[in-house]
Amino acid sequence: NTSNMNTEKYFDFIIVGQGLAGLAAAYFASRHGTVALLSKGNFRISNSYLAQGGIASAISADDSIKLHYNDTIAVGKNLCDKKAVKILVKEGRDIIKEIISLGMKFDRNNSELDISLEGGHSRRRVLHANGSSTGKELVKFFLSLIAQKKNITRFTNSYLYELLVKDGIAQGALFFNPKKQKSFRLISNRTIIASGGLAGIYNKSTNPFSTSGDGIIAA
């Protein structure tokens, strides 16, 4: 309904998703231009926010990328995609180091990182934040980084319903805000879909209802 369409806006980046992937993408993209960050809710409900436990990363002195890889393949009973595991263990360690350098506070034992040994690992490898609330703390941390960036505009209650594509290239997207009963159009040469999966569509699920596959459908 074009009569119910707000004025379109241009951003250097459009990022769809309120979990850790979307928040991190928005923060790093903001170093290179203006960013529109869109959430179906209020940035507080996502699988990332609800994720408990810790993050495995081979950052201990007695650990290595190869050991982490071998443990993952063994526990996966040869069902893992080996290429994906290599990316996970190598880039994962680099990303954890970068997040710590940005100021993320993982749990510590005195001055040392409190790295625990958990099932399937042959070395102490698992980082936590505020006990088992690691996902929640990571989301809060990246929200605090984003809040300091004047060139990131956050859109809440915004449902992606169509990507604007010309000659096979995404040039923006259409969104709907049910609270305002308004559609709006954002234009960009770079669109990142970080909207997660679709397990929330099931009647019985531990996933938030917002994980309904909108990004997958649009893409």
N, C-alpha and C. Protein backbone atom coordinates (compact mmCIF):
# COMPACT_ATOMS: atom_id res chain seq x y z
N ASN A 1 0.87 -1.19 0.00
CA ASN A 1 0.00 0.00 0.00
C ASN A 1 0.90 1.23 0.00
N THR A 2 1.14 1.81 -1.17
CA THR A 2 2.08 2.94 -1.29
C THR A 2 1.58 4.19 -0.58
N SER A 3 0.27 4.31 -0.40
CA SER A 3 -0.27 5.48 0.29
C SER A 3 0.07 5.44 1.78
N ASN A 4 0.45 4.26 2.26
CA ASN A 4 0.78 4.11 3.67
C ASN A 4 2.30 3.98 3.85
N MET A 5 3.06 4.46 2.85
CA MET A 5 4.51 4.30 2.84
C MET A 5 5.19 5.59 3.29
N ASN A 6 6.05 5.47 4.31
CA ASN A 6 6.83 6.63 4.74
C ASN A 6 7.90 6.96 3.71
N THR A 7 8.47 8.16 3.83
CA THR A 7 9.55 8.57 2.93
C THR A 7 10.72 7.61 3.06
N GLU A 8 11.30 7.26 1.92
CA GLU A 8 12.44 6.34 1.95
C GLU A 8 13.70 7.06 2.42
N LYS A 9 14.62 6.28 2.99
CA LYS A 9 15.88 6.82 3.49
C LYS A 9 17.03 5.98 2.95
N TYR A 10 18.18 6.64 2.76
CA TYR A 10 19.38 5.94 2.28
C TYR A 10 20.36 5.73 3.43
N PHE A 11 20.95 4.53 3.49
CA PHE A 11 22.03 4.23 4.42
C PHE A 11 23.13 3.49 3.65
N ASP A 12 24.36 3.63 4.12
CA ASP A 12 25.45 2.89 3.49
C ASP A 12 25.30 1.38 3.74
N PHE A 13 24.72 1.03 4.90
CA PHE A 13 24.48 -0.37 5.24
C PHE A 13 23.09 -0.54 5.84
N ILE A 14 22.40 -1.61 5.43
CA ILE A 14 21.17 -2.05 6.10
C ILE A 14 21.49 -3.40 6.73
N ILE A 15 21.21 -3.52 8.03
CA ILE A 15 21.47 -4.77 8.73
C ILE A 15 20.19 -5.21 9.43
N VAL A 16 19.72 -6.39 9.08
CA VAL A 16 18.47 -6.91 9.62
C VAL A 16 18.79 -7.99 10.64
N GLY A 17 18.42 -7.76 11.89
CA GLY A 17 18.65 -8.76 12.92
C GLY A 17 19.03 -8.14 14.25
N GLN A 18 18.48 -8.70 15.33
CA GLN A 18 18.68 -8.10 16.65
C GLN A 18 19.55 -8.97 17.55
N GLY A 19 20.12 -10.06 16.99
CA GLY A 19 21.01 -10.90 17.77
C GLY A 19 22.44 -10.43 17.69
N LEU A 20 23.35 -11.25 18.20
CA LEU A 20 24.75 -10.86 18.26
C LEU A 20 25.35 -10.62 16.88
N ALA A 21 24.95 -11.43 15.88
CA ALA A 21 25.48 -11.26 14.52
C ALA A 21 25.13 -9.89 13.96
N GLY A 22 23.87 -9.49 14.12
CA GLY A 22 23.43 -8.19 13.62
C GLY A 22 24.07 -7.03 14.37
N LEU A 23 24.17 -7.16 15.69
CA LEU A 23 24.76 -6.09 16.50
C LEU A 23 26.24 -5.91 16.17
N ALA A 24 26.96 -7.02 16.07
CA ALA A 24 28.38 -6.94 15.76
C ALA A 24 28.59 -6.39 14.35
N ALA A 25 27.77 -6.84 13.40
CA ALA A 25 27.89 -6.35 12.02
C ALA A 25 27.66 -4.83 11.98
N ALA A 26 26.68 -4.37 12.74
CA ALA A 26 26.38 -2.93 12.76
C ALA A 26 27.55 -2.14 13.34
N TYR A 27 28.12 -2.64 14.42
CA TYR A 27 29.24 -1.92 15.05
C TYR A 27 30.43 -1.81 14.09
N PHE A 28 30.81 -2.92 13.46
CA PHE A 28 31.98 -2.88 12.58
C PHE A 28 31.68 -2.14 11.28
N ALA A 29 30.44 -2.24 10.78
CA ALA A 29 30.08 -1.51 9.56
C ALA A 29 30.09 0.00 9.81
N SER A 30 29.80 0.40 11.04
CA SER A 30 29.73 1.84 11.34
C SER A 30 31.09 2.53 11.18
N ARG A 31 32.16 1.75 11.11
CA ARG A 31 33.48 2.33 10.85
C ARG A 31 33.62 2.77 9.39
N HIS A 32 32.66 2.36 8.56
CA HIS A 32 32.78 2.61 7.13
C HIS A 32 31.60 3.40 6.54
N GLY A 33 30.63 3.78 7.37
CA GLY A 33 29.51 4.55 6.83
C GLY A 33 28.31 4.53 7.75
N THR A 34 27.19 5.04 7.24
CA THR A 34 25.95 5.08 8.02
C THR A 34 25.28 3.70 8.02
N VAL A 35 24.63 3.38 9.14
CA VAL A 35 24.07 2.04 9.33
C VAL A 35 22.62 2.14 9.80
N ALA A 36 21.74 1.37 9.15
CA ALA A 36 20.38 1.16 9.65
C ALA A 36 20.34 -0.24 10.25
N LEU A 37 20.00 -0.35 11.53
CA LEU A 37 19.94 -1.63 12.21
C LEU A 37 18.49 -1.90 12.61
N LEU A 38 17.94 -2.98 12.09
CA LEU A 38 16.50 -3.22 12.24
C LEU A 38 16.21 -4.44 13.10
N SER A 39 15.23 -4.28 13.98
CA SER A 39 14.83 -5.34 14.90
C SER A 39 13.32 -5.52 14.86
N LYS A 40 12.87 -6.77 14.89
CA LYS A 40 11.43 -7.02 14.97
C LYS A 40 10.88 -6.65 16.34
N GLY A 41 11.75 -6.68 17.34
CA GLY A 41 11.31 -6.35 18.69
C GLY A 41 12.03 -5.14 19.22
N ASN A 42 12.66 -5.31 20.39
CA ASN A 42 13.31 -4.18 21.05
C ASN A 42 14.79 -4.45 21.33
N PHE A 43 15.39 -5.38 20.59
CA PHE A 43 16.79 -5.75 20.74
C PHE A 43 17.08 -6.52 22.02
N ARG A 44 16.04 -6.91 22.74
CA ARG A 44 16.24 -7.66 23.98
C ARG A 44 15.80 -9.12 23.85
N ILE A 45 15.14 -9.46 22.74
CA ILE A 45 14.67 -10.83 22.59
C ILE A 45 15.32 -11.44 21.36
N SER A 46 16.24 -12.37 21.60
CA SER A 46 16.89 -13.08 20.51
C SER A 46 17.49 -14.36 21.07
N ASN A 47 17.82 -15.28 20.20
CA ASN A 47 18.51 -16.48 20.67
C ASN A 47 19.83 -16.11 21.33
N SER A 48 20.51 -15.09 20.80
CA SER A 48 21.78 -14.66 21.39
C SER A 48 21.58 -14.20 22.83
N TYR A 49 20.55 -13.40 23.06
CA TYR A 49 20.29 -12.85 24.39
C TYR A 49 19.97 -13.95 25.39
N LEU A 50 19.26 -15.00 24.91
CA LEU A 50 18.83 -16.09 25.79
C LEU A 50 19.89 -17.17 25.95
N ALA A 51 20.96 -17.11 25.12
CA ALA A 51 21.96 -18.20 25.11
C ALA A 51 22.71 -18.28 26.43
N GLN A 52 22.72 -19.49 27.00
CA GLN A 52 23.43 -19.71 28.25
C GLN A 52 24.65 -20.59 28.01
N GLY A 53 25.39 -20.87 29.08
CA GLY A 53 26.63 -21.63 28.91
C GLY A 53 27.76 -20.68 28.61
N GLY A 54 28.71 -21.13 27.78
CA GLY A 54 29.88 -20.31 27.49
C GLY A 54 30.31 -20.44 26.05
N ILE A 55 31.46 -19.85 25.74
CA ILE A 55 32.01 -19.86 24.38
C ILE A 55 33.36 -20.57 24.39
N ALA A 56 33.50 -21.59 23.55
CA ALA A 56 34.75 -22.33 23.46
C ALA A 56 35.71 -21.61 22.52
N SER A 57 36.93 -21.38 23.00
CA SER A 57 37.95 -20.71 22.19
C SER A 57 39.33 -21.15 22.67
N ALA A 58 40.19 -21.51 21.74
CA ALA A 58 41.52 -22.05 22.09
C ALA A 58 42.50 -20.93 22.40
N ILE A 59 42.26 -20.23 23.52
CA ILE A 59 43.14 -19.10 23.85
C ILE A 59 44.07 -19.40 25.01
N SER A 60 43.95 -20.56 25.64
CA SER A 60 44.87 -20.92 26.73
C SER A 60 46.26 -21.21 26.18
N ALA A 61 47.27 -21.03 27.02
CA ALA A 61 48.65 -21.23 26.60
C ALA A 61 48.93 -22.67 26.17
N ASP A 62 48.23 -23.63 26.78
CA ASP A 62 48.46 -25.05 26.46
C ASP A 62 47.50 -25.57 25.39
N ASP A 63 46.76 -24.66 24.75
CA ASP A 63 45.76 -25.07 23.76
C ASP A 63 46.23 -24.68 22.36
N SER A 64 45.52 -25.17 21.34
CA SER A 64 45.86 -24.81 19.97
C SER A 64 44.63 -24.96 19.08
N ILE A 65 44.70 -24.31 17.92
CA ILE A 65 43.64 -24.42 16.92
C ILE A 65 43.45 -25.89 16.52
N LYS A 66 44.56 -26.59 16.34
CA LYS A 66 44.50 -27.99 15.90
C LYS A 66 43.80 -28.87 16.94
N LEU A 67 44.12 -28.67 18.23
CA LEU A 67 43.46 -29.45 19.28
C LEU A 67 41.96 -29.18 19.32
N HIS A 68 41.60 -27.91 19.20
CA HIS A 68 40.18 -27.55 19.21
C HIS A 68 39.46 -28.19 18.01
N TYR A 69 40.12 -28.15 16.87
CA TYR A 69 39.56 -28.78 15.66
C TYR A 69 39.37 -30.28 15.87
N ASN A 70 40.40 -30.95 16.37
CA ASN A 70 40.32 -32.41 16.55
C ASN A 70 39.21 -32.79 17.54
N ASP A 71 39.08 -32.03 18.63
CA ASP A 71 38.03 -32.30 19.62
C ASP A 71 36.65 -32.15 19.00
N THR A 72 36.48 -31.11 18.20
CA THR A 72 35.17 -30.84 17.59
C THR A 72 34.79 -31.94 16.60
N ILE A 73 35.75 -32.35 15.79
CA ILE A 73 35.49 -33.42 14.82
C ILE A 73 35.16 -34.73 15.55
N ALA A 74 35.89 -35.02 16.62
CA ALA A 74 35.66 -36.26 17.37
C ALA A 74 34.26 -36.28 17.99
N VAL A 75 33.90 -35.19 18.64
CA VAL A 75 32.58 -35.13 19.29
C VAL A 75 31.46 -35.13 18.24
N GLY A 76 31.76 -34.59 17.06
CA GLY A 76 30.77 -34.56 15.99
C GLY A 76 30.57 -35.89 15.29
N LYS A 77 31.35 -36.91 15.68
CA LYS A 77 31.21 -38.26 15.11
C LYS A 77 31.23 -38.25 13.58
N ASN A 78 32.14 -37.42 13.03
CA ASN A 78 32.33 -37.32 11.58
C ASN A 78 31.11 -36.77 10.83
N LEU A 79 30.22 -36.12 11.55
CA LEU A 79 29.05 -35.49 10.91
C LEU A 79 29.30 -34.01 10.62
N CYS A 80 30.40 -33.47 11.15
CA CYS A 80 30.67 -32.04 10.99
C CYS A 80 31.19 -31.73 9.58
N ASP A 81 30.89 -30.53 9.13
CA ASP A 81 31.49 -30.00 7.90
C ASP A 81 32.89 -29.52 8.28
N LYS A 82 33.92 -30.24 7.81
CA LYS A 82 35.29 -29.97 8.26
C LYS A 82 35.75 -28.56 7.90
N LYS A 83 35.33 -28.07 6.74
CA LYS A 83 35.71 -26.72 6.35
C LYS A 83 35.12 -25.69 7.32
N ALA A 84 33.86 -25.91 7.70
CA ALA A 84 33.20 -24.99 8.63
C ALA A 84 33.86 -25.04 10.01
N VAL A 85 34.26 -26.23 10.44
CA VAL A 85 34.93 -26.37 11.74
C VAL A 85 36.26 -25.62 11.74
N LYS A 86 37.00 -25.71 10.64
CA LYS A 86 38.28 -24.99 10.54
C LYS A 86 38.07 -23.48 10.69
N ILE A 87 37.04 -22.98 10.03
CA ILE A 87 36.73 -21.55 10.14
C ILE A 87 36.34 -21.20 11.58
N LEU A 88 35.51 -22.05 12.17
CA LEU A 88 35.02 -21.82 13.54
C LEU A 88 36.17 -21.70 14.54
N VAL A 89 37.07 -22.68 14.52
CA VAL A 89 38.11 -22.71 15.55
C VAL A 89 39.18 -21.64 15.32
N LYS A 90 39.48 -21.35 14.06
CA LYS A 90 40.51 -20.35 13.77
C LYS A 90 39.99 -18.92 13.95
N GLU A 91 38.91 -18.61 13.24
CA GLU A 91 38.38 -17.24 13.32
C GLU A 91 37.76 -16.98 14.69
N GLY A 92 37.20 -18.05 15.30
CA GLY A 92 36.59 -17.89 16.62
C GLY A 92 37.57 -17.37 17.64
N ARG A 93 38.78 -17.90 17.63
CA ARG A 93 39.80 -17.44 18.58
C ARG A 93 40.15 -15.97 18.33
N ASP A 94 40.31 -15.62 17.06
CA ASP A 94 40.66 -14.23 16.73
C ASP A 94 39.55 -13.27 17.16
N ILE A 95 38.30 -13.69 16.95
CA ILE A 95 37.16 -12.84 17.30
C ILE A 95 37.07 -12.65 18.81
N ILE A 96 37.28 -13.73 19.58
CA ILE A 96 37.24 -13.61 21.04
C ILE A 96 38.31 -12.63 21.52
N LYS A 97 39.51 -12.73 20.97
CA LYS A 97 40.58 -11.81 21.35
C LYS A 97 40.21 -10.37 21.01
N GLU A 98 39.56 -10.18 19.85
CA GLU A 98 39.16 -8.83 19.45
C GLU A 98 38.08 -8.29 20.36
N ILE A 99 37.10 -9.12 20.72
CA ILE A 99 36.01 -8.68 21.60
C ILE A 99 36.58 -8.28 22.96
N ILE A 100 37.54 -9.06 23.47
CA ILE A 100 38.16 -8.73 24.76
C ILE A 100 38.90 -7.39 24.65
N SER A 101 39.59 -7.17 23.52
CA SER A 101 40.33 -5.92 23.34
C SER A 101 39.39 -4.72 23.25
N LEU A 102 38.14 -4.95 22.83
CA LEU A 102 37.15 -3.87 22.77
C LEU A 102 36.59 -3.54 24.15
N GLY A 103 36.81 -4.44 25.13
CA GLY A 103 36.36 -4.16 26.49
C GLY A 103 35.36 -5.13 27.06
N MET A 104 35.04 -6.21 26.35
CA MET A 104 34.11 -7.21 26.88
C MET A 104 34.70 -7.87 28.12
N LYS A 105 33.89 -7.94 29.18
CA LYS A 105 34.35 -8.49 30.45
C LYS A 105 33.86 -9.94 30.61
N PHE A 106 34.74 -10.89 30.30
CA PHE A 106 34.45 -12.28 30.62
C PHE A 106 34.85 -12.52 32.08
N ASP A 107 34.28 -13.57 32.68
CA ASP A 107 34.56 -13.86 34.09
C ASP A 107 36.05 -14.14 34.28
N ARG A 108 36.57 -13.65 35.41
CA ARG A 108 37.99 -13.83 35.72
C ARG A 108 38.17 -14.44 37.11
N ASN A 109 39.29 -15.13 37.27
CA ASN A 109 39.72 -15.65 38.57
C ASN A 109 40.94 -14.83 38.96
N ASN A 110 40.72 -13.84 39.83
CA ASN A 110 41.72 -12.80 40.09
C ASN A 110 41.97 -12.05 38.79
N SER A 111 43.18 -12.03 38.26
CA SER A 111 43.45 -11.27 37.04
C SER A 111 43.37 -12.12 35.78
N GLU A 112 43.31 -13.44 35.97
CA GLU A 112 43.30 -14.35 34.82
C GLU A 112 41.88 -14.66 34.37
N LEU A 113 41.71 -14.86 33.07
CA LEU A 113 40.42 -15.30 32.56
C LEU A 113 40.05 -16.65 33.18
N ASP A 114 38.81 -16.77 33.62
CA ASP A 114 38.34 -18.01 34.24
C ASP A 114 37.85 -18.95 33.13
N ILE A 115 38.77 -19.73 32.60
CA ILE A 115 38.47 -20.62 31.48
C ILE A 115 38.21 -22.02 32.02
N SER A 116 37.06 -22.59 31.70
CA SER A 116 36.69 -23.88 32.28
C SER A 116 36.83 -25.03 31.29
N LEU A 117 36.93 -26.23 31.85
CA LEU A 117 36.98 -27.46 31.07
C LEU A 117 35.58 -28.04 31.05
N GLU A 118 35.03 -28.26 29.87
CA GLU A 118 33.68 -28.80 29.76
C GLU A 118 33.66 -29.99 28.81
N GLY A 119 32.54 -30.66 28.75
CA GLY A 119 32.40 -31.90 28.00
C GLY A 119 32.88 -31.81 26.56
N GLY A 120 33.65 -32.81 26.13
CA GLY A 120 34.11 -32.87 24.75
C GLY A 120 35.41 -32.14 24.48
N HIS A 121 35.91 -31.39 25.47
CA HIS A 121 37.14 -30.62 25.28
C HIS A 121 38.31 -31.28 26.02
N SER A 122 39.46 -31.28 25.39
CA SER A 122 40.65 -31.86 26.02
C SER A 122 41.48 -30.80 26.74
N ARG A 123 41.08 -29.55 26.65
CA ARG A 123 41.77 -28.45 27.32
C ARG A 123 40.73 -27.52 27.95
N ARG A 124 41.18 -26.70 28.91
CA ARG A 124 40.32 -25.65 29.46
C ARG A 124 40.10 -24.63 28.35
N ARG A 125 38.85 -24.43 27.96
CA ARG A 125 38.60 -23.69 26.72
C ARG A 125 37.35 -22.81 26.77
N VAL A 126 36.53 -22.92 27.79
CA VAL A 126 35.21 -22.28 27.75
C VAL A 126 35.17 -21.01 28.61
N LEU A 127 34.86 -19.91 27.95
CA LEU A 127 34.73 -18.60 28.60
C LEU A 127 33.27 -18.35 28.98
N HIS A 128 33.07 -17.72 30.13
CA HIS A 128 31.72 -17.35 30.57
C HIS A 128 31.68 -15.86 30.90
N ALA A 129 30.48 -15.33 30.94
CA ALA A 129 30.29 -13.94 31.39
C ALA A 129 29.09 -13.91 32.33
N ASN A 130 29.30 -13.41 33.53
CA ASN A 130 28.24 -13.40 34.56
C ASN A 130 27.66 -14.80 34.74
N GLY A 131 28.57 -15.74 34.96
CA GLY A 131 28.15 -17.13 35.11
C GLY A 131 27.72 -17.72 33.78
N SER A 132 26.48 -18.17 33.73
CA SER A 132 26.00 -18.80 32.48
C SER A 132 25.25 -17.82 31.57
N SER A 133 25.22 -16.53 31.93
CA SER A 133 24.46 -15.54 31.14
C SER A 133 25.33 -14.92 30.05
N THR A 134 26.12 -15.74 29.40
CA THR A 134 27.11 -15.22 28.45
C THR A 134 26.47 -14.51 27.26
N GLY A 135 25.42 -15.10 26.70
CA GLY A 135 24.76 -14.48 25.56
C GLY A 135 24.19 -13.12 25.92
N LYS A 136 23.53 -13.04 27.06
CA LYS A 136 22.93 -11.79 27.52
C LYS A 136 24.00 -10.71 27.70
N GLU A 137 25.13 -11.07 28.29
CA GLU A 137 26.20 -10.10 28.53
C GLU A 137 26.85 -9.63 27.23
N LEU A 138 27.00 -10.54 26.27
CA LEU A 138 27.57 -10.14 24.97
C LEU A 138 26.64 -9.18 24.23
N VAL A 139 25.34 -9.46 24.26
CA VAL A 139 24.37 -8.58 23.62
C VAL A 139 24.40 -7.21 24.29
N LYS A 140 24.38 -7.17 25.61
CA LYS A 140 24.43 -5.90 26.34
C LYS A 140 25.70 -5.13 26.01
N PHE A 141 26.83 -5.85 25.88
CA PHE A 141 28.10 -5.21 25.57
C PHE A 141 28.06 -4.55 24.19
N PHE A 142 27.56 -5.27 23.18
CA PHE A 142 27.52 -4.69 21.84
C PHE A 142 26.47 -3.59 21.74
N LEU A 143 25.38 -3.70 22.50
CA LEU A 143 24.41 -2.60 22.53
C LEU A 143 25.06 -1.34 23.10
N SER A 144 25.93 -1.50 24.09
CA SER A 144 26.61 -0.34 24.67
C SER A 144 27.58 0.28 23.67
N LEU A 145 28.25 -0.56 22.86
CA LEU A 145 29.14 -0.03 21.82
C LEU A 145 28.34 0.74 20.77
N ILE A 146 27.21 0.16 20.37
CA ILE A 146 26.37 0.77 19.34
C ILE A 146 25.79 2.11 19.81
N ALA A 147 25.46 2.18 21.09
CA ALA A 147 24.88 3.41 21.65
C ALA A 147 25.83 4.60 21.52
N GLN A 148 27.11 4.33 21.41
CA GLN A 148 28.11 5.40 21.30
C GLN A 148 28.30 5.86 19.85
N LYS A 149 27.69 5.17 18.91
CA LYS A 149 27.90 5.47 17.49
C LYS A 149 26.76 6.33 16.95
N LYS A 150 27.09 7.55 16.58
CA LYS A 150 26.07 8.49 16.08
C LYS A 150 25.56 8.11 14.69
N ASN A 151 26.34 7.29 13.96
CA ASN A 151 25.93 6.96 12.58
C ASN A 151 25.20 5.63 12.47
N ILE A 152 24.78 5.07 13.62
CA ILE A 152 23.92 3.88 13.61
C ILE A 152 22.52 4.31 14.03
N THR A 153 21.53 4.06 13.17
CA THR A 153 20.13 4.35 13.48
C THR A 153 19.41 3.04 13.72
N ARG A 154 18.80 2.91 14.90
CA ARG A 154 18.08 1.68 15.23
C ARG A 154 16.59 1.83 14.94
N PHE A 155 16.04 0.82 14.31
CA PHE A 155 14.61 0.76 14.02
C PHE A 155 14.03 -0.44 14.76
N THR A 156 13.15 -0.20 15.73
CA THR A 156 12.51 -1.30 16.44
C THR A 156 11.15 -1.61 15.79
N ASN A 157 10.57 -2.76 16.17
CA ASN A 157 9.25 -3.17 15.65
C ASN A 157 9.19 -3.10 14.13
N SER A 158 10.26 -3.54 13.48
CA SER A 158 10.36 -3.42 12.03
C SER A 158 10.50 -4.80 11.39
N TYR A 159 9.48 -5.19 10.65
CA TYR A 159 9.43 -6.51 10.02
C TYR A 159 9.86 -6.42 8.56
N LEU A 160 10.90 -7.15 8.21
CA LEU A 160 11.34 -7.22 6.81
C LEU A 160 10.32 -8.03 6.02
N TYR A 161 9.82 -7.49 4.90
CA TYR A 161 8.93 -8.31 4.08
C TYR A 161 9.31 -8.38 2.61
N GLU A 162 10.26 -7.55 2.17
CA GLU A 162 10.71 -7.70 0.78
C GLU A 162 12.06 -7.04 0.58
N LEU A 163 12.96 -7.75 -0.10
CA LEU A 163 14.22 -7.15 -0.53
C LEU A 163 14.00 -6.50 -1.89
N LEU A 164 14.56 -5.33 -2.09
CA LEU A 164 14.45 -4.63 -3.36
C LEU A 164 15.64 -5.03 -4.23
N VAL A 165 15.36 -5.74 -5.29
CA VAL A 165 16.44 -6.30 -6.11
C VAL A 165 16.32 -5.80 -7.54
N LYS A 166 17.45 -5.37 -8.10
CA LYS A 166 17.50 -4.95 -9.50
C LYS A 166 18.73 -5.57 -10.14
N ASP A 167 18.53 -6.27 -11.24
CA ASP A 167 19.61 -6.96 -11.96
C ASP A 167 20.40 -7.88 -11.03
N GLY A 168 19.67 -8.56 -10.14
CA GLY A 168 20.30 -9.53 -9.26
C GLY A 168 21.05 -8.94 -8.08
N ILE A 169 20.92 -7.64 -7.87
CA ILE A 169 21.64 -6.98 -6.78
C ILE A 169 20.64 -6.35 -5.81
N ALA A 170 20.80 -6.66 -4.51
CA ALA A 170 19.93 -6.07 -3.49
C ALA A 170 20.24 -4.59 -3.35
N GLN A 171 19.21 -3.76 -3.43
CA GLN A 171 19.40 -2.31 -3.35
C GLN A 171 18.60 -1.66 -2.21
N GLY A 172 18.16 -2.49 -1.29
CA GLY A 172 17.39 -1.98 -0.17
C GLY A 172 16.33 -2.98 0.24
N ALA A 173 15.39 -2.52 1.06
CA ALA A 173 14.36 -3.43 1.55
C ALA A 173 13.13 -2.66 2.00
N LEU A 174 12.01 -3.38 2.04
CA LEU A 174 10.75 -2.84 2.54
C LEU A 174 10.48 -3.44 3.91
N PHE A 175 10.00 -2.60 4.83
CA PHE A 175 9.71 -3.03 6.19
C PHE A 175 8.31 -2.58 6.59
N PHE A 176 7.76 -3.25 7.61
CA PHE A 176 6.45 -2.89 8.13
C PHE A 176 6.54 -2.77 9.65
N ASN A 177 6.03 -1.66 10.18
CA ASN A 177 5.97 -1.45 11.62
C ASN A 177 4.52 -1.64 12.06
N PRO A 178 4.19 -2.77 12.70
CA PRO A 178 2.78 -3.05 13.06
C PRO A 178 2.23 -2.10 14.12
N LYS A 179 3.12 -1.56 14.97
CA LYS A 179 2.64 -0.64 16.00
C LYS A 179 2.15 0.67 15.40
N LYS A 180 2.87 1.15 14.37
CA LYS A 180 2.48 2.38 13.70
C LYS A 180 1.60 2.13 12.48
N GLN A 181 1.45 0.84 12.12
CA GLN A 181 0.70 0.47 10.91
C GLN A 181 1.25 1.21 9.68
N LYS A 182 2.58 1.25 9.60
CA LYS A 182 3.24 1.96 8.51
C LYS A 182 4.29 1.07 7.86
N SER A 183 4.36 1.14 6.54
CA SER A 183 5.46 0.53 5.81
C SER A 183 6.50 1.60 5.52
N PHE A 184 7.75 1.17 5.39
CA PHE A 184 8.80 2.12 5.01
C PHE A 184 9.86 1.42 4.18
N ARG A 185 10.57 2.22 3.40
CA ARG A 185 11.56 1.71 2.47
C ARG A 185 12.93 2.28 2.83
N LEU A 186 13.92 1.39 2.91
CA LEU A 186 15.30 1.81 3.13
C LEU A 186 16.11 1.41 1.91
N ILE A 187 16.98 2.31 1.46
CA ILE A 187 17.79 2.09 0.27
C ILE A 187 19.26 1.95 0.67
N SER A 188 19.94 0.99 0.09
CA SER A 188 21.36 0.80 0.36
C SER A 188 21.98 -0.08 -0.70
N ASN A 189 23.29 0.07 -0.89
CA ASN A 189 24.02 -0.83 -1.78
C ASN A 189 24.53 -2.06 -1.05
N ARG A 190 24.38 -2.08 0.26
CA ARG A 190 24.88 -3.21 1.06
C ARG A 190 23.82 -3.60 2.09
N THR A 191 23.30 -4.81 1.95
CA THR A 191 22.28 -5.31 2.87
C THR A 191 22.77 -6.61 3.49
N ILE A 192 22.76 -6.66 4.83
CA ILE A 192 23.18 -7.86 5.56
C ILE A 192 21.96 -8.45 6.26
N ILE A 193 21.67 -9.73 5.95
CA ILE A 193 20.59 -10.43 6.63
C ILE A 193 21.18 -11.26 7.76
N ALA A 194 20.92 -10.85 8.99
CA ALA A 194 21.45 -11.55 10.17
C ALA A 194 20.29 -11.87 11.11
N SER A 195 19.22 -12.40 10.52
CA SER A 195 17.95 -12.53 11.24
C SER A 195 17.73 -13.89 11.88
N GLY A 196 18.75 -14.78 11.80
CA GLY A 196 18.61 -16.05 12.50
C GLY A 196 17.75 -17.07 11.76
N GLY A 197 17.30 -18.06 12.49
CA GLY A 197 16.60 -19.20 11.90
C GLY A 197 15.09 -19.09 11.99
N LEU A 198 14.43 -20.26 12.04
CA LEU A 198 12.96 -20.26 12.03
C LEU A 198 12.35 -21.23 13.03
N ALA A 199 13.14 -21.64 14.03
CA ALA A 199 12.62 -22.64 14.98
C ALA A 199 11.47 -22.10 15.84
N GLY A 200 11.34 -20.76 15.88
CA GLY A 200 10.25 -20.18 16.66
C GLY A 200 8.86 -20.44 16.09
N ILE A 201 8.79 -20.98 14.87
CA ILE A 201 7.48 -21.26 14.26
C ILE A 201 6.84 -22.50 14.86
N TYR A 202 7.61 -23.32 15.58
CA TYR A 202 7.06 -24.56 16.15
C TYR A 202 6.28 -24.27 17.41
N ASN A 203 5.25 -25.08 17.63
CA ASN A 203 4.39 -24.89 18.80
C ASN A 203 5.17 -25.06 20.10
N LYS A 204 6.05 -26.06 20.12
CA LYS A 204 6.88 -26.30 21.30
C LYS A 204 8.34 -26.04 20.92
N SER A 205 8.90 -24.98 21.47
CA SER A 205 10.27 -24.59 21.12
C SER A 205 10.84 -23.72 22.23
N THR A 206 12.14 -23.85 22.47
CA THR A 206 12.80 -22.97 23.42
C THR A 206 13.25 -21.67 22.75
N ASN A 207 13.04 -21.56 21.43
CA ASN A 207 13.41 -20.35 20.69
C ASN A 207 12.36 -19.26 20.88
N PRO A 208 12.76 -17.99 20.86
CA PRO A 208 11.76 -16.92 20.92
C PRO A 208 10.88 -16.93 19.67
N PHE A 209 9.64 -16.50 19.82
CA PHE A 209 8.69 -16.52 18.70
C PHE A 209 9.17 -15.69 17.52
N SER A 210 10.08 -14.75 17.79
CA SER A 210 10.54 -13.85 16.73
C SER A 210 11.41 -14.56 15.69
N THR A 211 11.91 -15.76 16.01
CA THR A 211 12.74 -16.48 15.03
C THR A 211 11.84 -17.24 14.08
N SER A 212 11.24 -16.50 13.16
CA SER A 212 10.23 -17.08 12.27
C SER A 212 10.65 -17.11 10.80
N GLY A 213 11.94 -16.97 10.55
CA GLY A 213 12.46 -17.19 9.20
C GLY A 213 12.21 -16.07 8.20
N ASP A 214 11.89 -14.89 8.66
CA ASP A 214 11.58 -13.77 7.75
C ASP A 214 12.74 -13.49 6.78
N GLY A 215 13.94 -13.44 7.32
CA GLY A 215 15.11 -13.13 6.50
C GLY A 215 15.38 -14.20 5.46
N ILE A 216 15.20 -15.46 5.87
CA ILE A 216 15.41 -16.58 4.94
C ILE A 216 14.39 -16.51 3.80
N ILE A 217 13.14 -16.23 4.15
CA ILE A 217 12.07 -16.14 3.14
C ILE A 217 12.35 -15.00 2.17
N ALA A 218 12.72 -13.83 2.70
CA ALA A 218 12.98 -12.67 1.84
C ALA A 218 14.18 -12.94 0.92
N ALA A 219 15.22 -13.54 1.49
CA ALA A 219 16.42 -13.81 0.70
C ALA A 219 16.13 -14.84 -0.39
